[in-house]
Amino acid sequence: MLEELCDLLKHTSLCGLGQSAPNPVVSTLRSFAEEYRAHIDDHKCPAGVCGREENGEQQ
């Protein structure tokens, strides 16, 4: 869904800022797709830096 929203924003925005705004999200999705999935689907933080431990419990 994030990729679809980024694509929609990039192709429908009338200004350059709106067209380039999704680039950081698209870039991190390519490099860190598994981390996104762990956070969204499993409520876990593999890196342990955002308040959730790898097992999904709050720190």
N, C-alpha and C. Protein backbone atom coordinates (compact mmCIF):
# COMPACT_ATOMS: atom_id res chain seq x y z
N MET A 1 0.82 -1.18 0.00
CA MET A 1 0.00 0.00 0.00
C MET A 1 0.87 1.26 0.00
N LEU A 2 1.97 1.22 0.76
CA LEU A 2 2.87 2.38 0.76
C LEU A 2 3.43 2.66 -0.63
N GLU A 3 3.81 1.61 -1.33
CA GLU A 3 4.35 1.79 -2.69
C GLU A 3 3.29 2.39 -3.61
N GLU A 4 2.06 1.92 -3.49
CA GLU A 4 0.98 2.45 -4.32
C GLU A 4 0.72 3.92 -4.02
N LEU A 5 0.71 4.29 -2.75
CA LEU A 5 0.50 5.68 -2.38
C LEU A 5 1.63 6.57 -2.88
N CYS A 6 2.86 6.08 -2.77
CA CYS A 6 4.01 6.85 -3.28
C CYS A 6 3.90 7.06 -4.78
N ASP A 7 3.53 6.01 -5.50
CA ASP A 7 3.39 6.10 -6.95
C ASP A 7 2.28 7.08 -7.32
N LEU A 8 1.17 7.01 -6.61
CA LEU A 8 0.06 7.93 -6.86
C LEU A 8 0.49 9.38 -6.63
N LEU A 9 1.15 9.64 -5.53
CA LEU A 9 1.60 10.99 -5.22
C LEU A 9 2.59 11.49 -6.28
N LYS A 10 3.53 10.62 -6.65
CA LYS A 10 4.55 11.00 -7.62
C LYS A 10 3.94 11.36 -8.98
N HIS A 11 2.91 10.62 -9.39
CA HIS A 11 2.35 10.82 -10.72
C HIS A 11 1.18 11.79 -10.79
N THR A 12 0.63 12.19 -9.66
CA THR A 12 -0.51 13.11 -9.69
C THR A 12 -0.22 14.48 -9.10
N SER A 13 0.92 14.64 -8.47
CA SER A 13 1.26 15.93 -7.89
C SER A 13 1.55 16.95 -8.98
N LEU A 14 1.15 18.17 -8.72
CA LEU A 14 1.34 19.23 -9.71
C LEU A 14 2.67 19.96 -9.54
N CYS A 15 3.36 19.74 -8.44
CA CYS A 15 4.62 20.46 -8.23
C CYS A 15 5.77 19.47 -8.02
N GLY A 16 6.97 19.95 -8.21
CA GLY A 16 8.16 19.12 -8.08
C GLY A 16 8.36 18.59 -6.67
N LEU A 17 7.98 19.38 -5.67
CA LEU A 17 8.14 18.92 -4.29
C LEU A 17 7.25 17.71 -4.03
N GLY A 18 6.01 17.78 -4.46
CA GLY A 18 5.11 16.64 -4.28
C GLY A 18 5.55 15.42 -5.06
N GLN A 19 6.13 15.64 -6.22
CA GLN A 19 6.60 14.53 -7.05
C GLN A 19 7.81 13.84 -6.45
N SER A 20 8.63 14.60 -5.73
CA SER A 20 9.84 14.00 -5.16
C SER A 20 9.68 13.61 -3.69
N ALA A 21 8.61 14.04 -3.04
CA ALA A 21 8.40 13.74 -1.62
C ALA A 21 8.40 12.25 -1.30
N PRO A 22 7.86 11.38 -2.15
CA PRO A 22 7.85 9.95 -1.82
C PRO A 22 9.19 9.25 -2.00
N ASN A 23 10.17 9.91 -2.57
CA ASN A 23 11.45 9.24 -2.86
C ASN A 23 12.12 8.61 -1.64
N PRO A 24 12.20 9.27 -0.49
CA PRO A 24 12.82 8.62 0.66
C PRO A 24 12.09 7.36 1.11
N VAL A 25 10.76 7.38 1.04
CA VAL A 25 9.98 6.20 1.43
C VAL A 25 10.24 5.05 0.45
N VAL A 26 10.22 5.35 -0.84
CA VAL A 26 10.47 4.33 -1.86
C VAL A 26 11.87 3.74 -1.68
N SER A 27 12.84 4.60 -1.42
CA SER A 27 14.22 4.15 -1.23
C SER A 27 14.35 3.22 -0.02
N THR A 28 13.74 3.61 1.11
CA THR A 28 13.84 2.75 2.29
C THR A 28 13.03 1.47 2.12
N LEU A 29 11.94 1.52 1.38
CA LEU A 29 11.18 0.30 1.12
C LEU A 29 12.02 -0.71 0.34
N ARG A 30 12.80 -0.22 -0.60
CA ARG A 30 13.67 -1.12 -1.38
C ARG A 30 14.75 -1.75 -0.51
N SER A 31 15.32 -0.95 0.37
CA SER A 31 16.45 -1.42 1.18
C SER A 31 16.04 -2.14 2.46
N PHE A 32 14.89 -1.80 3.00
CA PHE A 32 14.51 -2.33 4.31
C PHE A 32 13.10 -2.90 4.33
N ALA A 33 12.71 -3.58 3.29
CA ALA A 33 11.35 -4.13 3.19
C ALA A 33 11.02 -5.07 4.34
N GLU A 34 11.97 -5.89 4.74
CA GLU A 34 11.70 -6.83 5.84
C GLU A 34 11.47 -6.12 7.17
N GLU A 35 12.17 -5.02 7.39
CA GLU A 35 11.97 -4.26 8.62
C GLU A 35 10.58 -3.62 8.64
N TYR A 36 10.15 -3.09 7.49
CA TYR A 36 8.79 -2.55 7.39
C TYR A 36 7.78 -3.63 7.73
N ARG A 37 7.94 -4.82 7.13
CA ARG A 37 7.00 -5.91 7.39
C ARG A 37 6.98 -6.31 8.86
N ALA A 38 8.15 -6.37 9.48
CA ALA A 38 8.22 -6.74 10.89
C ALA A 38 7.47 -5.73 11.75
N HIS A 39 7.62 -4.46 11.47
CA HIS A 39 6.94 -3.42 12.24
C HIS A 39 5.43 -3.46 12.01
N ILE A 40 5.01 -3.55 10.76
CA ILE A 40 3.59 -3.46 10.43
C ILE A 40 2.85 -4.75 10.76
N ASP A 41 3.37 -5.88 10.32
CA ASP A 41 2.66 -7.15 10.48
C ASP A 41 2.86 -7.78 11.85
N ASP A 42 4.09 -7.75 12.34
CA ASP A 42 4.43 -8.48 13.57
C ASP A 42 4.56 -7.58 14.79
N HIS A 43 4.52 -6.26 14.59
CA HIS A 43 4.70 -5.29 15.68
C HIS A 43 6.01 -5.55 16.43
N LYS A 44 7.07 -5.80 15.65
CA LYS A 44 8.40 -6.06 16.19
C LYS A 44 9.40 -5.11 15.55
N CYS A 45 10.46 -4.81 16.30
CA CYS A 45 11.54 -3.97 15.78
C CYS A 45 12.81 -4.81 15.75
N PRO A 46 13.19 -5.33 14.58
CA PRO A 46 14.40 -6.15 14.51
C PRO A 46 15.66 -5.42 14.96
N ALA A 47 15.72 -4.12 14.75
CA ALA A 47 16.89 -3.34 15.15
C ALA A 47 16.85 -2.96 16.62
N GLY A 48 15.69 -3.02 17.24
CA GLY A 48 15.55 -2.69 18.65
C GLY A 48 15.74 -1.22 18.97
N VAL A 49 15.36 -0.33 18.04
CA VAL A 49 15.60 1.09 18.25
C VAL A 49 14.34 1.95 18.36
N CYS A 50 13.18 1.36 18.26
CA CYS A 50 11.98 2.20 18.23
C CYS A 50 10.99 1.89 19.36
N GLY A 51 11.42 1.28 20.40
CA GLY A 51 10.54 1.04 21.52
C GLY A 51 9.90 -0.33 21.55
N ARG A 52 10.13 -1.14 20.55
CA ARG A 52 9.64 -2.51 20.53
C ARG A 52 10.83 -3.44 20.43
N GLU A 53 10.82 -4.46 21.26
CA GLU A 53 11.90 -5.43 21.19
C GLU A 53 11.65 -6.39 20.03
N GLU A 54 12.64 -7.20 19.71
CA GLU A 54 12.51 -8.12 18.59
C GLU A 54 11.36 -9.09 18.77
N ASN A 55 10.99 -9.39 20.03
CA ASN A 55 9.89 -10.31 20.27
C ASN A 55 8.53 -9.59 20.28
N GLY A 56 8.51 -8.29 20.05
CA GLY A 56 7.27 -7.54 19.95
C GLY A 56 6.84 -6.86 21.23
N GLU A 57 7.53 -7.10 22.35
CA GLU A 57 7.16 -6.47 23.61
C GLU A 57 7.70 -5.06 23.69
N GLN A 58 6.97 -4.21 24.42
CA GLN A 58 7.42 -2.83 24.67
C GLN A 58 8.67 -2.85 25.52
N GLN A 59 9.57 -1.93 25.27
CA GLN A 59 10.79 -1.81 26.09
C GLN A 59 10.52 -0.97 27.31
